[in-house]
């Protein structure tokens, strides 16, 4: 299937590369802090489904305020509700896996595995969209996979039968990365006719249906401190989504995407500060390979004038 030509760009704010980079860095810092709250919320005994519900429900008011201040409610109209629903199902699955990975693994390790998303995105774009992929990008994919294998340490995991929280966590994290890569393909398709705010809004709104149905079976009473954690989760989720989109309004994808790799630095710092954990030895070896692979893929796409929206299954 061949991509249709992208629609003509809408008038927007003037390009501000430093502003776009700053917003992307804010998104990465906020994402790491959000995952800190995910771990605290799990430690408080709150079910992951309830975490996902409040994360999505509390972000909606911020999104509506943002839409009203920019494009207005008319910008949310869509004729592709089915495509939004499919994107929602993939998004919820990816978000659940990313939350689960952060719960089961140290933050730095889970974040490193999540950085493999561009690698899987290249593969899915070639398979599902029929994109021409030269030997240079395939070479970058291979290097990235070597990095993923180093981080996963499959020999040690196989010897242990992939048992325990760590073995399950690596599988969950890898599933989350694969789902997020598939989401980038869905967002590319939606991006032909919908703007970023519309895509984010319908994802958050439609996800209330399955999460709302499941919520009565898992919800529990909460203390004031637990409610603060849940509210903070929703607030940081809103900051992440609005910062990601705002960055793309101010600067090209090729300029802001490299900032995503700073998330590993914030995850290492947050893991050490809040939980006293440091990355495993394999993470120190594999992470540079994954980052180098992702940066090369981003650079090649810039050279090929391909701008792909990157969706974070926060």
C-alpha atoms as a PDB file:
ATOM      1  CA  UNK A   1       0.000   0.000   0.000  1.00  0.00           C
ATOM      2  CA  UNK A   2       1.475   3.316  -1.056  1.00  0.00           C
ATOM      3  CA  UNK A   3       1.131   6.485   0.998  1.00  0.00           C
ATOM      4  CA  UNK A   4      -1.126   9.187  -0.364  1.00  0.00           C
ATOM      5  CA  UNK A   5       0.488  12.619  -0.700  1.00  0.00           C
ATOM      6  CA  UNK A   6       0.275  14.500   2.611  1.00  0.00           C
ATOM      7  CA  UNK A   7      -2.230  17.340   2.805  1.00  0.00           C
ATOM      8  CA  UNK A   8      -0.975  20.864   2.368  1.00  0.00           C
ATOM      9  CA  UNK A   9       0.271  22.206   5.696  1.00  0.00           C
ATOM     10  CA  UNK A  10      -2.015  24.490   7.598  1.00  0.00           C
ATOM     11  CA  UNK A  11      -0.969  27.947   8.607  1.00  0.00           C
ATOM     12  CA  UNK A  12       0.651  27.774  11.999  1.00  0.00           C
ATOM     13  CA  UNK A  13       3.060  29.503  14.283  1.00  0.00           C
ATOM     14  CA  UNK A  14       6.482  30.483  12.943  1.00  0.00           C
ATOM     15  CA  UNK A  15       9.216  27.898  13.268  1.00  0.00           C
ATOM     16  CA  UNK A  16      11.151  28.106  16.517  1.00  0.00           C
ATOM     17  CA  UNK A  17      13.718  25.333  16.724  1.00  0.00           C
ATOM     18  CA  UNK A  18      14.867  26.119  20.266  1.00  0.00           C
ATOM     19  CA  UNK A  19      11.254  26.299  21.429  1.00  0.00           C
ATOM     20  CA  UNK A  20      10.471  22.962  19.794  1.00  0.00           C
ATOM     21  CA  UNK A  21      13.524  21.323  21.354  1.00  0.00           C
ATOM     22  CA  UNK A  22      12.604  22.789  24.756  1.00  0.00           C
ATOM     23  CA  UNK A  23       9.048  21.434  24.546  1.00  0.00           C
ATOM     24  CA  UNK A  24      10.288  17.991  23.500  1.00  0.00           C
ATOM     25  CA  UNK A  25      12.689  17.922  26.460  1.00  0.00           C
ATOM     26  CA  UNK A  26       9.840  18.984  28.759  1.00  0.00           C
ATOM     27  CA  UNK A  27       7.785  16.079  27.386  1.00  0.00           C
ATOM     28  CA  UNK A  28      10.584  13.594  28.106  1.00  0.00           C
ATOM     29  CA  UNK A  29      11.130  14.877  31.657  1.00  0.00           C
ATOM     30  CA  UNK A  30       7.381  14.816  32.317  1.00  0.00           C
ATOM     31  CA  UNK A  31       7.170  11.290  30.913  1.00  0.00           C
ATOM     32  CA  UNK A  32       9.838  10.057  33.322  1.00  0.00           C
ATOM     33  CA  UNK A  33       8.087  11.737  36.262  1.00  0.00           C
ATOM     34  CA  UNK A  34       4.789  10.215  35.144  1.00  0.00           C
ATOM     35  CA  UNK A  35       6.331   6.753  35.223  1.00  0.00           C
ATOM     36  CA  UNK A  36       7.647   7.462  38.725  1.00  0.00           C
ATOM     37  CA  UNK A  37       4.017   8.031  39.745  1.00  0.00           C
ATOM     38  CA  UNK A  38       3.020   4.818  37.946  1.00  0.00           C
ATOM     39  CA  UNK A  39       5.398   2.879  40.189  1.00  0.00           C
ATOM     40  CA  UNK A  40       4.174   4.639  43.341  1.00  0.00           C
ATOM     41  CA  UNK A  41       0.536   4.078  42.355  1.00  0.00           C
ATOM     42  CA  UNK A  42       1.197   0.365  41.853  1.00  0.00           C
ATOM     43  CA  UNK A  43       2.964   0.199  45.216  1.00  0.00           C
ATOM     44  CA  UNK A  44      -0.188   1.701  46.771  1.00  0.00           C
ATOM     45  CA  UNK A  45      -2.169  -1.297  45.505  1.00  0.00           C
ATOM     46  CA  UNK A  46      -4.110   0.561  42.797  1.00  0.00           C
ATOM     47  CA  UNK A  47      -4.965  -1.639  39.802  1.00  0.00           C
ATOM     48  CA  UNK A  48      -3.301  -0.762  36.497  1.00  0.00           C
ATOM     49  CA  UNK A  49      -6.711  -0.495  34.786  1.00  0.00           C
ATOM     50  CA  UNK A  50      -7.724   2.199  37.252  1.00  0.00           C
ATOM     51  CA  UNK A  51      -4.422   3.995  36.665  1.00  0.00           C
ATOM     52  CA  UNK A  52      -5.098   3.964  32.932  1.00  0.00           C
ATOM     53  CA  UNK A  53      -8.666   5.225  33.466  1.00  0.00           C
ATOM     54  CA  UNK A  54      -7.673   8.237  35.537  1.00  0.00           C
ATOM     55  CA  UNK A  55      -4.683   8.952  33.340  1.00  0.00           C
ATOM     56  CA  UNK A  56      -7.026   9.256  30.349  1.00  0.00           C
ATOM     57  CA  UNK A  57     -10.002  10.846  32.134  1.00  0.00           C
ATOM     58  CA  UNK A  58      -8.014  13.579  33.847  1.00  0.00           C
ATOM     59  CA  UNK A  59      -6.171  14.519  30.663  1.00  0.00           C
ATOM     60  CA  UNK A  60      -9.405  15.341  28.791  1.00  0.00           C
ATOM     61  CA  UNK A  61     -10.109  18.711  30.499  1.00  0.00           C
ATOM     62  CA  UNK A  62      -6.567  19.889  29.741  1.00  0.00           C
ATOM     63  CA  UNK A  63      -6.911  18.760  26.125  1.00  0.00           C
ATOM     64  CA  UNK A  64     -10.245  20.555  25.715  1.00  0.00           C
ATOM     65  CA  UNK A  65      -8.805  23.765  27.135  1.00  0.00           C
ATOM     66  CA  UNK A  66      -5.856  23.477  24.778  1.00  0.00           C
ATOM     67  CA  UNK A  67      -8.096  22.839  21.757  1.00  0.00           C
ATOM     68  CA  UNK A  68     -10.320  25.803  22.651  1.00  0.00           C
ATOM     69  CA  UNK A  69      -7.240  28.022  22.863  1.00  0.00           C
ATOM     70  CA  UNK A  70      -5.905  26.886  19.490  1.00  0.00           C
ATOM     71  CA  UNK A  71      -8.124  25.418  16.781  1.00  0.00           C
ATOM     72  CA  UNK A  72     -11.516  25.497  18.535  1.00  0.00           C
ATOM     73  CA  UNK A  73     -13.970  22.615  18.956  1.00  0.00           C
ATOM     74  CA  UNK A  74     -14.661  22.534  15.221  1.00  0.00           C
ATOM     75  CA  UNK A  75     -11.153  21.147  14.710  1.00  0.00           C
ATOM     76  CA  UNK A  76     -12.218  17.933  16.489  1.00  0.00           C
ATOM     77  CA  UNK A  77     -14.723  16.924  13.816  1.00  0.00           C
ATOM     78  CA  UNK A  78     -13.861  13.649  12.126  1.00  0.00           C
ATOM     79  CA  UNK A  79     -15.233  11.297   9.501  1.00  0.00           C
ATOM     80  CA  UNK A  80     -12.847   8.511  10.458  1.00  0.00           C
ATOM     81  CA  UNK A  81     -14.197   7.355  13.802  1.00  0.00           C
ATOM     82  CA  UNK A  82     -13.422   3.713  12.916  1.00  0.00           C
ATOM     83  CA  UNK A  83      -9.753   4.514  12.343  1.00  0.00           C
ATOM     84  CA  UNK A  84      -9.680   6.412  15.640  1.00  0.00           C
ATOM     85  CA  UNK A  85     -11.248   3.406  17.402  1.00  0.00           C
ATOM     86  CA  UNK A  86      -8.588   1.047  16.009  1.00  0.00           C
ATOM     87  CA  UNK A  87      -5.878   3.460  17.048  1.00  0.00           C
ATOM     88  CA  UNK A  88      -7.450   3.623  20.525  1.00  0.00           C
ATOM     89  CA  UNK A  89      -7.352  -0.160  20.970  1.00  0.00           C
ATOM     90  CA  UNK A  90      -3.702  -0.282  19.950  1.00  0.00           C
ATOM     91  CA  UNK A  91      -2.926   2.759  22.087  1.00  0.00           C
ATOM     92  CA  UNK A  92      -4.481   1.294  25.221  1.00  0.00           C
ATOM     93  CA  UNK A  93      -2.642  -1.980  24.712  1.00  0.00           C
ATOM     94  CA  UNK A  94       0.652  -0.169  24.229  1.00  0.00           C
ATOM     95  CA  UNK A  95       0.058   2.110  27.208  1.00  0.00           C
ATOM     96  CA  UNK A  96      -0.821  -0.850  29.440  1.00  0.00           C
ATOM     97  CA  UNK A  97       2.376  -2.623  28.383  1.00  0.00           C
ATOM     98  CA  UNK A  98       4.476   0.506  28.976  1.00  0.00           C
ATOM     99  CA  UNK A  99       2.920   0.984  32.423  1.00  0.00           C
ATOM    100  CA  UNK A 100       3.461  -2.696  33.191  1.00  0.00           C
ATOM    101  CA  UNK A 101       7.085  -2.558  32.055  1.00  0.00           C
ATOM    102  CA  UNK A 102       7.765   0.389  34.351  1.00  0.00           C
ATOM    103  CA  UNK A 103       6.177  -1.492  37.245  1.00  0.00           C
ATOM    104  CA  UNK A 104       8.092  -4.726  36.645  1.00  0.00           C
ATOM    105  CA  UNK A 105      11.500  -3.347  35.592  1.00  0.00           C
ATOM    106  CA  UNK A 106      13.908  -0.633  36.742  1.00  0.00           C
ATOM    107  CA  UNK A 107      13.049   2.601  34.948  1.00  0.00           C
ATOM    108  CA  UNK A 108      16.271   2.808  32.946  1.00  0.00           C
ATOM    109  CA  UNK A 109      15.914  -0.703  31.565  1.00  0.00           C
ATOM    110  CA  UNK A 110      12.250  -0.273  30.624  1.00  0.00           C
ATOM    111  CA  UNK A 111      13.042   3.085  28.989  1.00  0.00           C
ATOM    112  CA  UNK A 112      15.942   1.625  27.004  1.00  0.00           C
ATOM    113  CA  UNK A 113      13.722  -1.102  25.551  1.00  0.00           C
ATOM    114  CA  UNK A 114      11.084   1.516  24.671  1.00  0.00           C
ATOM    115  CA  UNK A 115      13.691   3.393  22.629  1.00  0.00           C
ATOM    116  CA  UNK A 116      13.628   0.533  20.112  1.00  0.00           C
ATOM    117  CA  UNK A 117      10.328   1.866  18.716  1.00  0.00           C
ATOM    118  CA  UNK A 118      11.952   3.487  15.591  1.00  0.00           C
ATOM    119  CA  UNK A 119      13.578   0.155  14.772  1.00  0.00           C
ATOM    120  CA  UNK A 120      10.252  -1.678  14.707  1.00  0.00           C
ATOM    121  CA  UNK A 121       8.625   1.265  12.927  1.00  0.00           C
ATOM    122  CA  UNK A 122      11.011   0.857   9.973  1.00  0.00           C
ATOM    123  CA  UNK A 123      10.130  -2.841   9.734  1.00  0.00           C
ATOM    124  CA  UNK A 124       6.364  -2.253   9.902  1.00  0.00           C
ATOM    125  CA  UNK A 125       6.537   0.635   7.419  1.00  0.00           C
ATOM    126  CA  UNK A 126       8.293  -1.667   4.955  1.00  0.00           C
ATOM    127  CA  UNK A 127       5.852  -4.549   5.508  1.00  0.00           C
ATOM    128  CA  UNK A 128       2.551  -2.698   5.933  1.00  0.00           C
ATOM    129  CA  UNK A 129       3.107   0.413   3.830  1.00  0.00           C
ATOM    130  CA  UNK A 130       5.457  -1.021   1.217  1.00  0.00           C
ATOM    131  CA  UNK A 131       8.039   1.698   1.877  1.00  0.00           C
ATOM    132  CA  UNK A 132      11.348   1.339   0.092  1.00  0.00           C
ATOM    133  CA  UNK A 133      13.990   0.694   2.732  1.00  0.00           C
ATOM    134  CA  UNK A 134      17.618   0.789   1.651  1.00  0.00           C
ATOM    135  CA  UNK A 135      20.537  -1.165   3.026  1.00  0.00           C
ATOM    136  CA  UNK A 136      21.584   1.731   5.249  1.00  0.00           C
ATOM    137  CA  UNK A 137      18.350   1.744   7.235  1.00  0.00           C
ATOM    138  CA  UNK A 138      18.292  -2.059   7.354  1.00  0.00           C
ATOM    139  CA  UNK A 139      21.838  -1.885   8.695  1.00  0.00           C
ATOM    140  CA  UNK A 140      20.677   0.520  11.394  1.00  0.00           C
ATOM    141  CA  UNK A 141      17.825  -1.866  12.246  1.00  0.00           C
ATOM    142  CA  UNK A 142      20.287  -4.737  12.686  1.00  0.00           C
ATOM    143  CA  UNK A 143      22.535  -2.643  14.943  1.00  0.00           C
ATOM    144  CA  UNK A 144      19.503  -1.614  16.971  1.00  0.00           C
ATOM    145  CA  UNK A 145      18.364  -5.210  17.347  1.00  0.00           C
ATOM    146  CA  UNK A 146      21.805  -6.173  18.612  1.00  0.00           C
ATOM    147  CA  UNK A 147      21.404  -3.454  21.238  1.00  0.00           C
ATOM    148  CA  UNK A 148      17.950  -4.751  22.191  1.00  0.00           C
ATOM    149  CA  UNK A 149      19.299  -8.288  22.544  1.00  0.00           C
ATOM    150  CA  UNK A 150      22.132  -7.063  24.750  1.00  0.00           C
ATOM    151  CA  UNK A 151      19.665  -5.271  27.048  1.00  0.00           C
ATOM    152  CA  UNK A 152      17.269  -8.231  27.132  1.00  0.00           C
ATOM    153  CA  UNK A 153      20.190 -10.612  27.835  1.00  0.00           C
ATOM    154  CA  UNK A 154      18.270 -13.570  26.367  1.00  0.00           C
ATOM    155  CA  UNK A 155      20.868 -16.181  27.416  1.00  0.00           C
ATOM    156  CA  UNK A 156      20.482 -15.327  31.105  1.00  0.00           C
ATOM    157  CA  UNK A 157      16.719 -14.939  30.724  1.00  0.00           C
ATOM    158  CA  UNK A 158      16.406 -18.293  28.933  1.00  0.00           C
ATOM    159  CA  UNK A 159      18.499 -19.988  31.596  1.00  0.00           C
ATOM    160  CA  UNK A 160      16.089 -18.616  34.168  1.00  0.00           C
ATOM    161  CA  UNK A 161      13.063 -19.650  32.133  1.00  0.00           C
ATOM    162  CA  UNK A 162      11.983 -16.027  31.735  1.00  0.00           C
ATOM    163  CA  UNK A 163      10.522 -16.401  35.196  1.00  0.00           C
ATOM    164  CA  UNK A 164       9.985 -13.776  37.837  1.00  0.00           C
ATOM    165  CA  UNK A 165       9.068 -10.137  37.477  1.00  0.00           C
ATOM    166  CA  UNK A 166      12.192  -9.282  35.470  1.00  0.00           C
ATOM    167  CA  UNK A 167      11.657 -11.939  32.797  1.00  0.00           C
ATOM    168  CA  UNK A 168       7.986 -11.053  32.430  1.00  0.00           C
ATOM    169  CA  UNK A 169       8.879  -7.346  32.472  1.00  0.00           C
ATOM    170  CA  UNK A 170      11.258  -7.655  29.521  1.00  0.00           C
ATOM    171  CA  UNK A 171       8.586  -9.413  27.461  1.00  0.00           C
ATOM    172  CA  UNK A 172       5.987  -6.791  28.433  1.00  0.00           C
ATOM    173  CA  UNK A 173       8.404  -3.944  27.597  1.00  0.00           C
ATOM    174  CA  UNK A 174       9.234  -5.441  24.209  1.00  0.00           C
ATOM    175  CA  UNK A 175       5.519  -5.909  23.473  1.00  0.00           C
ATOM    176  CA  UNK A 176       4.962  -2.269  24.413  1.00  0.00           C
ATOM    177  CA  UNK A 177       7.672  -1.141  21.981  1.00  0.00           C
ATOM    178  CA  UNK A 178       6.182  -3.231  19.167  1.00  0.00           C
ATOM    179  CA  UNK A 179       2.680  -1.873  19.846  1.00  0.00           C
ATOM    180  CA  UNK A 180       3.969   1.704  19.940  1.00  0.00           C
ATOM    181  CA  UNK A 181       5.647   1.157  16.575  1.00  0.00           C
ATOM    182  CA  UNK A 182       2.350  -0.091  15.150  1.00  0.00           C
ATOM    183  CA  UNK A 183       0.686   3.002  16.599  1.00  0.00           C
ATOM    184  CA  UNK A 184       3.085   5.221  14.656  1.00  0.00           C
ATOM    185  CA  UNK A 185       1.834   3.559  11.467  1.00  0.00           C
ATOM    186  CA  UNK A 186      -1.792   4.167  12.493  1.00  0.00           C
ATOM    187  CA  UNK A 187      -1.013   7.784  13.368  1.00  0.00           C
ATOM    188  CA  UNK A 188       0.684   8.279  10.001  1.00  0.00           C
ATOM    189  CA  UNK A 189      -2.481   7.073   8.315  1.00  0.00           C
ATOM    190  CA  UNK A 190      -4.713   9.302  10.453  1.00  0.00           C
ATOM    191  CA  UNK A 191      -2.362  12.227   9.939  1.00  0.00           C
ATOM    192  CA  UNK A 192      -3.304  12.377   6.270  1.00  0.00           C
ATOM    193  CA  UNK A 193      -6.697  13.840   7.193  1.00  0.00           C
ATOM    194  CA  UNK A 194      -6.564  14.716  10.919  1.00  0.00           C
ATOM    195  CA  UNK A 195      -4.416  17.131  12.894  1.00  0.00           C
ATOM    196  CA  UNK A 196      -2.499  16.061  15.984  1.00  0.00           C
ATOM    197  CA  UNK A 197      -4.959  17.533  18.503  1.00  0.00           C
ATOM    198  CA  UNK A 198      -7.852  15.631  16.905  1.00  0.00           C
ATOM    199  CA  UNK A 199      -5.950  12.342  17.051  1.00  0.00           C
ATOM    200  CA  UNK A 200      -4.999  12.801  20.714  1.00  0.00           C
ATOM    201  CA  UNK A 201      -8.508  13.923  21.720  1.00  0.00           C
ATOM    202  CA  UNK A 202     -10.329  10.985  20.141  1.00  0.00           C
ATOM    203  CA  UNK A 203      -7.809   8.546  21.588  1.00  0.00           C
ATOM    204  CA  UNK A 204      -8.435   9.877  25.100  1.00  0.00           C
ATOM    205  CA  UNK A 205     -12.222  10.102  24.693  1.00  0.00           C
ATOM    206  CA  UNK A 206     -12.783   6.702  23.062  1.00  0.00           C
ATOM    207  CA  UNK A 207     -10.548   4.971  25.603  1.00  0.00           C
ATOM    208  CA  UNK A 208     -13.060   5.960  28.279  1.00  0.00           C
ATOM    209  CA  UNK A 209     -15.470   3.320  26.907  1.00  0.00           C
ATOM    210  CA  UNK A 210     -13.494   0.103  27.606  1.00  0.00           C
ATOM    211  CA  UNK A 211     -11.791   1.573  30.671  1.00  0.00           C
ATOM    212  CA  UNK A 212     -15.126   2.807  32.049  1.00  0.00           C
ATOM    213  CA  UNK A 213     -16.658  -0.654  31.603  1.00  0.00           C
ATOM    214  CA  UNK A 214     -13.744  -2.303  33.423  1.00  0.00           C
ATOM    215  CA  UNK A 215     -13.388   0.325  36.177  1.00  0.00           C
ATOM    216  CA  UNK A 216     -16.194  -0.894  38.540  1.00  0.00           C
ATOM    217  CA  UNK A 217     -14.477  -4.287  38.798  1.00  0.00           C
ATOM    218  CA  UNK A 218     -11.135  -2.898  39.997  1.00  0.00           C
ATOM    219  CA  UNK A 219     -11.795   0.479  41.663  1.00  0.00           C
ATOM    220  CA  UNK A 220     -11.017   0.805  45.381  1.00  0.00           C
ATOM    221  CA  UNK A 221     -11.362   3.623  47.933  1.00  0.00           C
ATOM    222  CA  UNK A 222      -8.389   5.986  48.030  1.00  0.00           C
ATOM    223  CA  UNK A 223      -6.699   8.177  50.571  1.00  0.00           C
ATOM    224  CA  UNK A 224      -5.971  11.834  49.885  1.00  0.00           C
ATOM    225  CA  UNK A 225      -2.351  10.972  49.062  1.00  0.00           C
ATOM    226  CA  UNK A 226      -3.442   8.353  46.535  1.00  0.00           C
ATOM    227  CA  UNK A 227      -5.796  10.810  44.855  1.00  0.00           C
ATOM    228  CA  UNK A 228      -2.915  13.254  44.570  1.00  0.00           C
ATOM    229  CA  UNK A 229      -0.867  10.566  42.833  1.00  0.00           C
ATOM    230  CA  UNK A 230      -3.698   9.871  40.372  1.00  0.00           C
ATOM    231  CA  UNK A 231      -4.285  13.570  39.689  1.00  0.00           C
ATOM    232  CA  UNK A 232      -0.552  14.034  39.154  1.00  0.00           C
ATOM    233  CA  UNK A 233      -0.625  11.123  36.695  1.00  0.00           C
ATOM    234  CA  UNK A 234      -3.354  12.814  34.646  1.00  0.00           C
ATOM    235  CA  UNK A 235      -1.684  16.214  34.796  1.00  0.00           C
ATOM    236  CA  UNK A 236       1.692  14.911  33.662  1.00  0.00           C
ATOM    237  CA  UNK A 237      -0.014  12.921  30.912  1.00  0.00           C
ATOM    238  CA  UNK A 238      -1.552  16.162  29.644  1.00  0.00           C
ATOM    239  CA  UNK A 239       1.808  17.935  29.786  1.00  0.00           C
ATOM    240  CA  UNK A 240       3.425  15.105  27.803  1.00  0.00           C
ATOM    241  CA  UNK A 241       0.791  15.090  25.073  1.00  0.00           C
ATOM    242  CA  UNK A 242       0.582  18.852  24.679  1.00  0.00           C
ATOM    243  CA  UNK A 243       4.368  19.270  24.757  1.00  0.00           C
ATOM    244  CA  UNK A 244       4.875  16.568  22.127  1.00  0.00           C
ATOM    245  CA  UNK A 245       2.360  18.171  19.812  1.00  0.00           C
ATOM    246  CA  UNK A 246       3.559  21.692  20.557  1.00  0.00           C
ATOM    247  CA  UNK A 247       7.121  20.701  19.718  1.00  0.00           C
ATOM    248  CA  UNK A 248       6.026  19.483  16.292  1.00  0.00           C
ATOM    249  CA  UNK A 249       4.227  22.777  15.668  1.00  0.00           C
ATOM    250  CA  UNK A 250       7.416  24.738  16.315  1.00  0.00           C
ATOM    251  CA  UNK A 251      10.101  22.575  14.710  1.00  0.00           C
ATOM    252  CA  UNK A 252      10.445  19.733  12.180  1.00  0.00           C
ATOM    253  CA  UNK A 253      10.302  16.109  13.295  1.00  0.00           C
ATOM    254  CA  UNK A 254      13.977  15.604  12.425  1.00  0.00           C
ATOM    255  CA  UNK A 255      14.958  18.392  14.834  1.00  0.00           C
ATOM    256  CA  UNK A 256      12.938  17.315  17.878  1.00  0.00           C
ATOM    257  CA  UNK A 257      13.007  13.492  17.665  1.00  0.00           C
ATOM    258  CA  UNK A 258      16.664  13.204  18.838  1.00  0.00           C
ATOM    259  CA  UNK A 259      15.561  14.821  22.118  1.00  0.00           C
ATOM    260  CA  UNK A 260      13.523  11.685  22.862  1.00  0.00           C
ATOM    261  CA  UNK A 261      16.719   9.842  23.685  1.00  0.00           C
ATOM    262  CA  UNK A 262      17.252  12.154  26.659  1.00  0.00           C
ATOM    263  CA  UNK A 263      14.474  10.118  28.311  1.00  0.00           C
ATOM    264  CA  UNK A 264      17.115   7.546  29.217  1.00  0.00           C
ATOM    265  CA  UNK A 265      19.051  10.163  31.191  1.00  0.00           C
ATOM    266  CA  UNK A 266      15.917  11.250  33.053  1.00  0.00           C
ATOM    267  CA  UNK A 267      14.949   7.621  33.708  1.00  0.00           C
ATOM    268  CA  UNK A 268      18.397   6.854  35.152  1.00  0.00           C
ATOM    269  CA  UNK A 269      18.228   9.956  37.369  1.00  0.00           C
ATOM    270  CA  UNK A 270      14.652   9.276  38.486  1.00  0.00           C
ATOM    271  CA  UNK A 271      15.330   5.603  39.152  1.00  0.00           C
ATOM    272  CA  UNK A 272      18.336   6.458  41.287  1.00  0.00           C
ATOM    273  CA  UNK A 273      16.695   9.375  43.124  1.00  0.00           C
ATOM    274  CA  UNK A 274      13.314   7.823  43.899  1.00  0.00           C
ATOM    275  CA  UNK A 275      14.022   4.087  44.008  1.00  0.00           C
ATOM    276  CA  UNK A 276      17.777   3.721  44.506  1.00  0.00           C
ATOM    277  CA  UNK A 277      18.201   1.655  41.308  1.00  0.00           C
ATOM    278  CA  UNK A 278      20.839   1.891  38.600  1.00  0.00           C
ATOM    279  CA  UNK A 279      20.875   0.358  35.120  1.00  0.00           C
ATOM    280  CA  UNK A 280      22.157  -3.184  34.680  1.00  0.00           C
ATOM    281  CA  UNK A 281      25.528  -3.666  33.009  1.00  0.00           C
ATOM    282  CA  UNK A 282      23.812  -4.892  29.835  1.00  0.00           C
ATOM    283  CA  UNK A 283      21.828  -1.642  29.644  1.00  0.00           C
ATOM    284  CA  UNK A 284      25.023   0.430  29.542  1.00  0.00           C
ATOM    285  CA  UNK A 285      26.239  -1.649  26.577  1.00  0.00           C
ATOM    286  CA  UNK A 286      22.983  -2.007  24.647  1.00  0.00           C
ATOM    287  CA  UNK A 287      21.593   1.503  25.087  1.00  0.00           C
ATOM    288  CA  UNK A 288      24.261   3.253  22.950  1.00  0.00           C
ATOM    289  CA  UNK A 289      23.584   0.808  20.094  1.00  0.00           C
ATOM    290  CA  UNK A 290      19.824   1.425  20.252  1.00  0.00           C
ATOM    291  CA  UNK A 291      20.279   5.194  20.445  1.00  0.00           C
ATOM    292  CA  UNK A 292      22.775   5.240  17.570  1.00  0.00           C
ATOM    293  CA  UNK A 293      20.397   3.160  15.464  1.00  0.00           C
ATOM    294  CA  UNK A 294      17.422   5.419  16.207  1.00  0.00           C
ATOM    295  CA  UNK A 295      19.355   8.604  15.507  1.00  0.00           C
ATOM    296  CA  UNK A 296      20.605   7.248  12.194  1.00  0.00           C
ATOM    297  CA  UNK A 297      17.063   6.250  11.179  1.00  0.00           C
ATOM    298  CA  UNK A 298      15.829   9.747  12.079  1.00  0.00           C
ATOM    299  CA  UNK A 299      18.657  11.315  10.066  1.00  0.00           C
ATOM    300  CA  UNK A 300      17.934   9.116   7.025  1.00  0.00           C
ATOM    301  CA  UNK A 301      14.258  10.004   7.139  1.00  0.00           C
ATOM    302  CA  UNK A 302      15.172  13.662   7.317  1.00  0.00           C
ATOM    303  CA  UNK A 303      17.311  13.220   4.211  1.00  0.00           C
ATOM    304  CA  UNK A 304      14.420  11.462   2.493  1.00  0.00           C
ATOM    305  CA  UNK A 305      12.031  14.242   3.559  1.00  0.00           C
ATOM    306  CA  UNK A 306       9.826  11.848   5.487  1.00  0.00           C
ATOM    307  CA  UNK A 307       8.132  13.297   8.560  1.00  0.00           C
ATOM    308  CA  UNK A 308       6.554  10.670  10.709  1.00  0.00           C
ATOM    309  CA  UNK A 309       4.450  11.687  13.752  1.00  0.00           C
ATOM    310  CA  UNK A 310       5.856   9.879  16.782  1.00  0.00           C
ATOM    311  CA  UNK A 311       3.130   8.936  19.288  1.00  0.00           C
ATOM    312  CA  UNK A 312       4.567   8.122  23.088  1.00  0.00           C
ATOM    313  CA  UNK A 313       2.300   5.419  24.613  1.00  0.00           C
ATOM    314  CA  UNK A 314       2.510   7.197  27.879  1.00  0.00           C
END
